[in-house]
Amino acid sequence: MKARKSKKGQTMVEYIIIVALVAISLIAVFTYFGRATGKKVAGAAAAISDEEGNKAKDAVESIDENTIKRLGE
């Protein structure tokens, strides 16, 4: 009767190879689309920043002296 050999080491190596291939493909995709994606994200961040900045500016400008006095009481 032959002893069964363990295939755990072989399976782990196969998983490592799969993970490495996925990582390499993701790096390639992000490198290829990186600039376009970066520009889109930067544009969206700038739009959000401008919108939030304008809201904050409007809120500050809407406070008058009476509101400040009432807050101090």
PDB file of N, CA and C in Angstrom:
ATOM      1  N   MET A   1       0.837  -1.168   0.000  1.00  0.00           N
ATOM      2  CA  MET A   1       0.000   0.000   0.000  1.00  0.00           C
ATOM      3  C   MET A   1       0.895   1.249   0.000  1.00  0.00           C
ATOM      4  N   LYS A   2       0.619   2.166  -0.914  1.00  0.00           N
ATOM      5  CA  LYS A   2       1.415   3.389  -1.020  1.00  0.00           C
ATOM      6  C   LYS A   2       0.845   4.459  -0.079  1.00  0.00           C
ATOM      7  N   ALA A   3       1.736   5.248   0.471  1.00  0.00           N
ATOM      8  CA  ALA A   3       1.318   6.348   1.347  1.00  0.00           C
ATOM      9  C   ALA A   3       0.868   7.533   0.495  1.00  0.00           C
ATOM     10  N   ARG A   4      -0.188   8.190   0.945  1.00  0.00           N
ATOM     11  CA  ARG A   4      -0.677   9.373   0.213  1.00  0.00           C
ATOM     12  C   ARG A   4       0.221  10.561   0.508  1.00  0.00           C
ATOM     13  N   LYS A   5       0.578  11.251  -0.531  1.00  0.00           N
ATOM     14  CA  LYS A   5       1.391  12.455  -0.354  1.00  0.00           C
ATOM     15  C   LYS A   5       0.474  13.651  -0.153  1.00  0.00           C
ATOM     16  N   SER A   6       0.904  14.562   0.684  1.00  0.00           N
ATOM     17  CA  SER A   6       0.126  15.768   0.939  1.00  0.00           C
ATOM     18  C   SER A   6       0.318  16.756  -0.210  1.00  0.00           C
ATOM     19  N   LYS A   7      -0.770  17.371  -0.649  1.00  0.00           N
ATOM     20  CA  LYS A   7      -0.700  18.344  -1.742  1.00  0.00           C
ATOM     21  C   LYS A   7      -0.885  19.772  -1.241  1.00  0.00           C
ATOM     22  N   LYS A   8      -0.756  19.950   0.072  1.00  0.00           N
ATOM     23  CA  LYS A   8      -0.960  21.293   0.633  1.00  0.00           C
ATOM     24  C   LYS A   8       0.046  22.293   0.082  1.00  0.00           C
ATOM     25  N   GLY A   9       1.284  21.897  -0.020  1.00  0.00           N
ATOM     26  CA  GLY A   9       2.314  22.799  -0.534  1.00  0.00           C
ATOM     27  C   GLY A   9       2.068  23.174  -1.982  1.00  0.00           C
ATOM     28  N   GLN A  10       1.664  22.212  -2.767  1.00  0.00           N
ATOM     29  CA  GLN A  10       1.378  22.472  -4.175  1.00  0.00           C
ATOM     30  C   GLN A  10       0.196  23.415  -4.312  1.00  0.00           C
ATOM     31  N   THR A  11      -0.835  23.218  -3.515  1.00  0.00           N
ATOM     32  CA  THR A  11      -2.022  24.071  -3.570  1.00  0.00           C
ATOM     33  C   THR A  11      -1.673  25.501  -3.180  1.00  0.00           C
ATOM     34  N   MET A  12      -0.838  25.661  -2.146  1.00  0.00           N
ATOM     35  CA  MET A  12      -0.455  26.999  -1.711  1.00  0.00           C
ATOM     36  C   MET A  12       0.310  27.720  -2.818  1.00  0.00           C
ATOM     37  N   VAL A  13       1.196  27.022  -3.480  1.00  0.00           N
ATOM     38  CA  VAL A  13       1.965  27.621  -4.575  1.00  0.00           C
ATOM     39  C   VAL A  13       1.025  28.051  -5.698  1.00  0.00           C
ATOM     40  N   GLU A  14       0.033  27.234  -5.995  1.00  0.00           N
ATOM     41  CA  GLU A  14      -0.928  27.589  -7.041  1.00  0.00           C
ATOM     42  C   GLU A  14      -1.704  28.851  -6.663  1.00  0.00           C
ATOM     43  N   TYR A  15      -2.124  28.944  -5.412  1.00  0.00           N
ATOM     44  CA  TYR A  15      -2.838  30.144  -4.972  1.00  0.00           C
ATOM     45  C   TYR A  15      -1.943  31.381  -5.039  1.00  0.00           C
ATOM     46  N   ILE A  16      -0.690  31.221  -4.666  1.00  0.00           N
ATOM     47  CA  ILE A  16       0.247  32.357  -4.726  1.00  0.00           C
ATOM     48  C   ILE A  16       0.422  32.817  -6.167  1.00  0.00           C
ATOM     49  N   ILE A  17       0.514  31.882  -7.088  1.00  0.00           N
ATOM     50  CA  ILE A  17       0.649  32.240  -8.505  1.00  0.00           C
ATOM     51  C   ILE A  17      -0.594  32.981  -8.989  1.00  0.00           C
ATOM     52  N   ILE A  18      -1.771  32.517  -8.589  1.00  0.00           N
ATOM     53  CA  ILE A  18      -3.017  33.189  -8.994  1.00  0.00           C
ATOM     54  C   ILE A  18      -3.070  34.607  -8.436  1.00  0.00           C
ATOM     55  N   VAL A  19      -2.727  34.759  -7.156  1.00  0.00           N
ATOM     56  CA  VAL A  19      -2.740  36.096  -6.540  1.00  0.00           C
ATOM     57  C   VAL A  19      -1.738  37.006  -7.232  1.00  0.00           C
ATOM     58  N   ALA A  20      -0.565  36.487  -7.562  1.00  0.00           N
ATOM     59  CA  ALA A  20       0.441  37.295  -8.251  1.00  0.00           C
ATOM     60  C   ALA A  20      -0.050  37.730  -9.629  1.00  0.00           C
ATOM     61  N   LEU A  21      -0.692  36.838 -10.362  1.00  0.00           N
ATOM     62  CA  LEU A  21      -1.216  37.192 -11.686  1.00  0.00           C
ATOM     63  C   LEU A  21      -2.311  38.250 -11.588  1.00  0.00           C
ATOM     64  N   VAL A  22      -3.185  38.116 -10.589  1.00  0.00           N
ATOM     65  CA  VAL A  22      -4.234  39.117 -10.399  1.00  0.00           C
ATOM     66  C   VAL A  22      -3.613  40.470 -10.051  1.00  0.00           C
ATOM     67  N   ALA A  23      -2.611  40.474  -9.178  1.00  0.00           N
ATOM     68  CA  ALA A  23      -1.951  41.721  -8.793  1.00  0.00           C
ATOM     69  C   ALA A  23      -1.275  42.376  -9.994  1.00  0.00           C
ATOM     70  N   ILE A  24      -0.593  41.595 -10.796  1.00  0.00           N
ATOM     71  CA  ILE A  24       0.082  42.137 -11.984  1.00  0.00           C
ATOM     72  C   ILE A  24      -0.932  42.711 -12.965  1.00  0.00           C
ATOM     73  N   SER A  25      -2.050  42.007 -13.144  1.00  0.00           N
ATOM     74  CA  SER A  25      -3.066  42.519 -14.074  1.00  0.00           C
ATOM     75  C   SER A  25      -3.702  43.800 -13.543  1.00  0.00           C
ATOM     76  N   LEU A  26      -3.931  43.883 -12.226  1.00  0.00           N
ATOM     77  CA  LEU A  26      -4.482  45.118 -11.669  1.00  0.00           C
ATOM     78  C   LEU A  26      -3.513  46.283 -11.806  1.00  0.00           C
ATOM     79  N   ILE A  27      -2.247  46.031 -11.593  1.00  0.00           N
ATOM     80  CA  ILE A  27      -1.239  47.082 -11.773  1.00  0.00           C
ATOM     81  C   ILE A  27      -1.238  47.562 -13.225  1.00  0.00           C
ATOM     82  N   ALA A  28      -1.337  46.629 -14.156  1.00  0.00           N
ATOM     83  CA  ALA A  28      -1.352  46.998 -15.573  1.00  0.00           C
ATOM     84  C   ALA A  28      -2.588  47.836 -15.904  1.00  0.00           C
ATOM     85  N   VAL A  29      -3.738  47.443 -15.379  1.00  0.00           N
ATOM     86  CA  VAL A  29      -4.980  48.187 -15.645  1.00  0.00           C
ATOM     87  C   VAL A  29      -4.904  49.584 -15.053  1.00  0.00           C
ATOM     88  N   PHE A  30      -4.443  49.689 -13.792  1.00  0.00           N
ATOM     89  CA  PHE A  30      -4.356  51.008 -13.173  1.00  0.00           C
ATOM     90  C   PHE A  30      -3.305  51.879 -13.840  1.00  0.00           C
ATOM     91  N   THR A  31      -2.251  51.284 -14.340  1.00  0.00           N
ATOM     92  CA  THR A  31      -1.252  52.054 -15.067  1.00  0.00           C
ATOM     93  C   THR A  31      -1.831  52.579 -16.378  1.00  0.00           C
ATOM     94  N   TYR A  32      -2.583  51.723 -17.060  1.00  0.00           N
ATOM     95  CA  TYR A  32      -3.163  52.106 -18.339  1.00  0.00           C
ATOM     96  C   TYR A  32      -4.231  53.190 -18.172  1.00  0.00           C
ATOM     97  N   PHE A  33      -5.117  53.012 -17.200  1.00  0.00           N
ATOM     98  CA  PHE A  33      -6.208  53.958 -17.002  1.00  0.00           C
ATOM     99  C   PHE A  33      -5.913  54.980 -15.908  1.00  0.00           C
ATOM    100  N   GLY A  34      -4.730  54.963 -15.364  1.00  0.00           N
ATOM    101  CA  GLY A  34      -4.386  55.795 -14.209  1.00  0.00           C
ATOM    102  C   GLY A  34      -4.590  57.275 -14.421  1.00  0.00           C
ATOM    103  N   ARG A  35      -4.085  57.784 -15.514  1.00  0.00           N
ATOM    104  CA  ARG A  35      -4.182  59.232 -15.737  1.00  0.00           C
ATOM    105  C   ARG A  35      -5.620  59.672 -15.939  1.00  0.00           C
ATOM    106  N   ALA A  36      -6.364  58.924 -16.722  1.00  0.00           N
ATOM    107  CA  ALA A  36      -7.763  59.288 -16.963  1.00  0.00           C
ATOM    108  C   ALA A  36      -8.568  59.209 -15.670  1.00  0.00           C
ATOM    109  N   THR A  37      -8.338  58.152 -14.911  1.00  0.00           N
ATOM    110  CA  THR A  37      -9.046  57.999 -13.637  1.00  0.00           C
ATOM    111  C   THR A  37      -8.634  59.091 -12.671  1.00  0.00           C
ATOM    112  N   GLY A  38      -7.357  59.394 -12.622  1.00  0.00           N
ATOM    113  CA  GLY A  38      -6.870  60.450 -11.733  1.00  0.00           C
ATOM    114  C   GLY A  38      -7.479  61.801 -12.065  1.00  0.00           C
ATOM    115  N   LYS A  39      -7.603  62.097 -13.347  1.00  0.00           N
ATOM    116  CA  LYS A  39      -8.205  63.373 -13.751  1.00  0.00           C
ATOM    117  C   LYS A  39      -9.676  63.442 -13.363  1.00  0.00           C
ATOM    118  N   LYS A  40     -10.385  62.314 -13.527  1.00  0.00           N
ATOM    119  CA  LYS A  40     -11.807  62.287 -13.153  1.00  0.00           C
ATOM    120  C   LYS A  40     -11.968  62.479 -11.643  1.00  0.00           C
ATOM    121  N   VAL A  41     -11.159  61.790 -10.864  1.00  0.00           N
ATOM    122  CA  VAL A  41     -11.244  61.908  -9.406  1.00  0.00           C
ATOM    123  C   VAL A  41     -10.869  63.316  -8.963  1.00  0.00           C
ATOM    124  N   ALA A  42      -9.843  63.886  -9.562  1.00  0.00           N
ATOM    125  CA  ALA A  42      -9.435  65.249  -9.208  1.00  0.00           C
ATOM    126  C   ALA A  42     -10.528  66.253  -9.564  1.00  0.00           C
ATOM    127  N   GLY A  43     -11.164  66.068 -10.710  1.00  0.00           N
ATOM    128  CA  GLY A  43     -12.256  66.962 -11.095  1.00  0.00           C
ATOM    129  C   GLY A  43     -13.436  66.855 -10.147  1.00  0.00           C
ATOM    130  N   ALA A  44     -13.780  65.635  -9.755  1.00  0.00           N
ATOM    131  CA  ALA A  44     -14.884  65.445  -8.820  1.00  0.00           C
ATOM    132  C   ALA A  44     -14.554  66.039  -7.456  1.00  0.00           C
ATOM    133  N   ALA A  45     -13.327  65.853  -6.996  1.00  0.00           N
ATOM    134  CA  ALA A  45     -12.918  66.402  -5.700  1.00  0.00           C
ATOM    135  C   ALA A  45     -12.943  67.927  -5.722  1.00  0.00           C
ATOM    136  N   ALA A  46     -12.500  68.524  -6.825  1.00  0.00           N
ATOM    137  CA  ALA A  46     -12.523  69.985  -6.935  1.00  0.00           C
ATOM    138  C   ALA A  46     -13.954  70.510  -6.943  1.00  0.00           C
ATOM    139  N   ALA A  47     -14.844  69.818  -7.634  1.00  0.00           N
ATOM    140  CA  ALA A  47     -16.244  70.249  -7.678  1.00  0.00           C
ATOM    141  C   ALA A  47     -16.879  70.174  -6.303  1.00  0.00           C
ATOM    142  N   ILE A  48     -16.614  69.100  -5.589  1.00  0.00           N
ATOM    143  CA  ILE A  48     -17.163  68.960  -4.234  1.00  0.00           C
ATOM    144  C   ILE A  48     -16.578  70.016  -3.326  1.00  0.00           C
ATOM    145  N   SER A  49     -15.291  70.249  -3.434  1.00  0.00           N
ATOM    146  CA  SER A  49     -14.628  71.243  -2.597  1.00  0.00           C
ATOM    147  C   SER A  49     -15.193  72.633  -2.851  1.00  0.00           C
ATOM    148  N   ASP A  50     -15.383  72.996  -4.120  1.00  0.00           N
ATOM    149  CA  ASP A  50     -15.941  74.301  -4.448  1.00  0.00           C
ATOM    150  C   ASP A  50     -17.360  74.442  -3.905  1.00  0.00           C
ATOM    151  N   GLU A  51     -18.164  73.404  -4.047  1.00  0.00           N
ATOM    152  CA  GLU A  51     -19.546  73.435  -3.590  1.00  0.00           C
ATOM    153  C   GLU A  51     -19.599  73.581  -2.070  1.00  0.00           C
ATOM    154  N   GLU A  52     -18.801  72.813  -1.354  1.00  0.00           N
ATOM    155  CA  GLU A  52     -18.790  72.888   0.110  1.00  0.00           C
ATOM    156  C   GLU A  52     -18.230  74.233   0.571  1.00  0.00           C
ATOM    157  N   GLY A  53     -17.223  74.736  -0.121  1.00  0.00           N
ATOM    158  CA  GLY A  53     -16.654  76.032   0.235  1.00  0.00           C
ATOM    159  C   GLY A  53     -17.665  77.151   0.059  1.00  0.00           C
ATOM    160  N   ASN A  54     -18.443  77.094  -1.014  1.00  0.00           N
ATOM    161  CA  ASN A  54     -19.463  78.112  -1.230  1.00  0.00           C
ATOM    162  C   ASN A  54     -20.558  78.029  -0.180  1.00  0.00           C
ATOM    163  N   LYS A  55     -20.944  76.832   0.226  1.00  0.00           N
ATOM    164  CA  LYS A  55     -21.955  76.665   1.276  1.00  0.00           C
ATOM    165  C   LYS A  55     -21.467  77.260   2.587  1.00  0.00           C
ATOM    166  N   ALA A  56     -20.213  76.995   2.935  1.00  0.00           N
ATOM    167  CA  ALA A  56     -19.659  77.523   4.177  1.00  0.00           C
ATOM    168  C   ALA A  56     -19.577  79.046   4.128  1.00  0.00           C
ATOM    169  N   LYS A  57     -19.171  79.571   2.983  1.00  0.00           N
ATOM    170  CA  LYS A  57     -19.065  81.027   2.826  1.00  0.00           C
ATOM    171  C   LYS A  57     -20.435  81.677   2.973  1.00  0.00           C
ATOM    172  N   ASP A  58     -21.461  81.093   2.344  1.00  0.00           N
ATOM    173  CA  ASP A  58     -22.820  81.622   2.455  1.00  0.00           C
ATOM    174  C   ASP A  58     -23.322  81.570   3.890  1.00  0.00           C
ATOM    175  N   ALA A  59     -22.995  80.510   4.597  1.00  0.00           N
ATOM    176  CA  ALA A  59     -23.438  80.373   5.987  1.00  0.00           C
ATOM    177  C   ALA A  59     -22.789  81.435   6.860  1.00  0.00           C
ATOM    178  N   VAL A  60     -21.519  81.699   6.660  1.00  0.00           N
ATOM    179  CA  VAL A  60     -20.821  82.712   7.452  1.00  0.00           C
ATOM    180  C   VAL A  60     -21.365  84.091   7.142  1.00  0.00           C
ATOM    181  N   GLU A  61     -21.623  84.369   5.868  1.00  0.00           N
ATOM    182  CA  GLU A  61     -22.124  85.685   5.484  1.00  0.00           C
ATOM    183  C   GLU A  61     -23.551  85.920   5.971  1.00  0.00           C
ATOM    184  N   SER A  62     -24.312  84.855   6.219  1.00  0.00           N
ATOM    185  CA  SER A  62     -25.693  85.022   6.654  1.00  0.00           C
ATOM    186  C   SER A  62     -25.814  85.348   8.141  1.00  0.00           C
ATOM    187  N   ILE A  63     -24.729  85.221   8.889  1.00  0.00           N
ATOM    188  CA  ILE A  63     -24.769  85.528  10.324  1.00  0.00           C
ATOM    189  C   ILE A  63     -24.648  87.044  10.489  1.00  0.00           C
ATOM    190  N   ASP A  64     -25.597  87.629  11.205  1.00  0.00           N
ATOM    191  CA  ASP A  64     -25.542  89.067  11.457  1.00  0.00           C
ATOM    192  C   ASP A  64     -25.211  89.313  12.931  1.00  0.00           C
ATOM    193  N   GLU A  65     -25.131  90.594  13.316  1.00  0.00           N
ATOM    194  CA  GLU A  65     -24.747  90.945  14.683  1.00  0.00           C
ATOM    195  C   GLU A  65     -25.772  90.467  15.699  1.00  0.00           C
ATOM    196  N   ASN A  66     -27.054  90.524  15.357  1.00  0.00           N
ATOM    197  CA  ASN A  66     -28.074  90.088  16.296  1.00  0.00           C
ATOM    198  C   ASN A  66     -27.937  88.593  16.616  1.00  0.00           C
ATOM    199  N   THR A  67     -27.607  87.806  15.637  1.00  0.00           N
ATOM    200  CA  THR A  67     -27.433  86.370  15.852  1.00  0.00           C
ATOM    201  C   THR A  67     -26.248  86.136  16.780  1.00  0.00           C
ATOM    202  N   ILE A  68     -25.182  86.882  16.592  1.00  0.00           N
ATOM    203  CA  ILE A  68     -24.003  86.737  17.439  1.00  0.00           C
ATOM    204  C   ILE A  68     -24.325  87.151  18.865  1.00  0.00           C
ATOM    205  N   LYS A  69     -25.089  88.223  19.042  1.00  0.00           N
ATOM    206  CA  LYS A  69     -25.465  88.668  20.388  1.00  0.00           C
ATOM    207  C   LYS A  69     -26.325  87.626  21.083  1.00  0.00           C
ATOM    208  N   ARG A  70     -27.257  87.021  20.330  1.00  0.00           N
ATOM    209  CA  ARG A  70     -28.127  86.002  20.920  1.00  0.00           C
ATOM    210  C   ARG A  70     -27.344  84.762  21.324  1.00  0.00           C
ATOM    211  N   LEU A  71     -26.326  84.428  20.585  1.00  0.00           N
ATOM    212  CA  LEU A  71     -25.502  83.278  20.941  1.00  0.00           C
ATOM    213  C   LEU A  71     -24.699  83.530  22.208  1.00  0.00           C
ATOM    214  N   GLY A  72     -24.334  84.788  22.459  1.00  0.00           N
ATOM    215  CA  GLY A  72     -23.566  85.153  23.640  1.00  0.00           C
ATOM    216  C   GLY A  72     -24.390  85.181  24.912  1.00  0.00           C
ATOM    217  N   GLU A  73     -25.691  85.205  24.807  1.00  0.00           N
ATOM    218  CA  GLU A  73     -26.542  85.300  25.998  1.00  0.00           C
ATOM    219  C   GLU A  73     -26.742  83.986  26.680  1.00  0.00           C
TER     220      GLU A  73
END
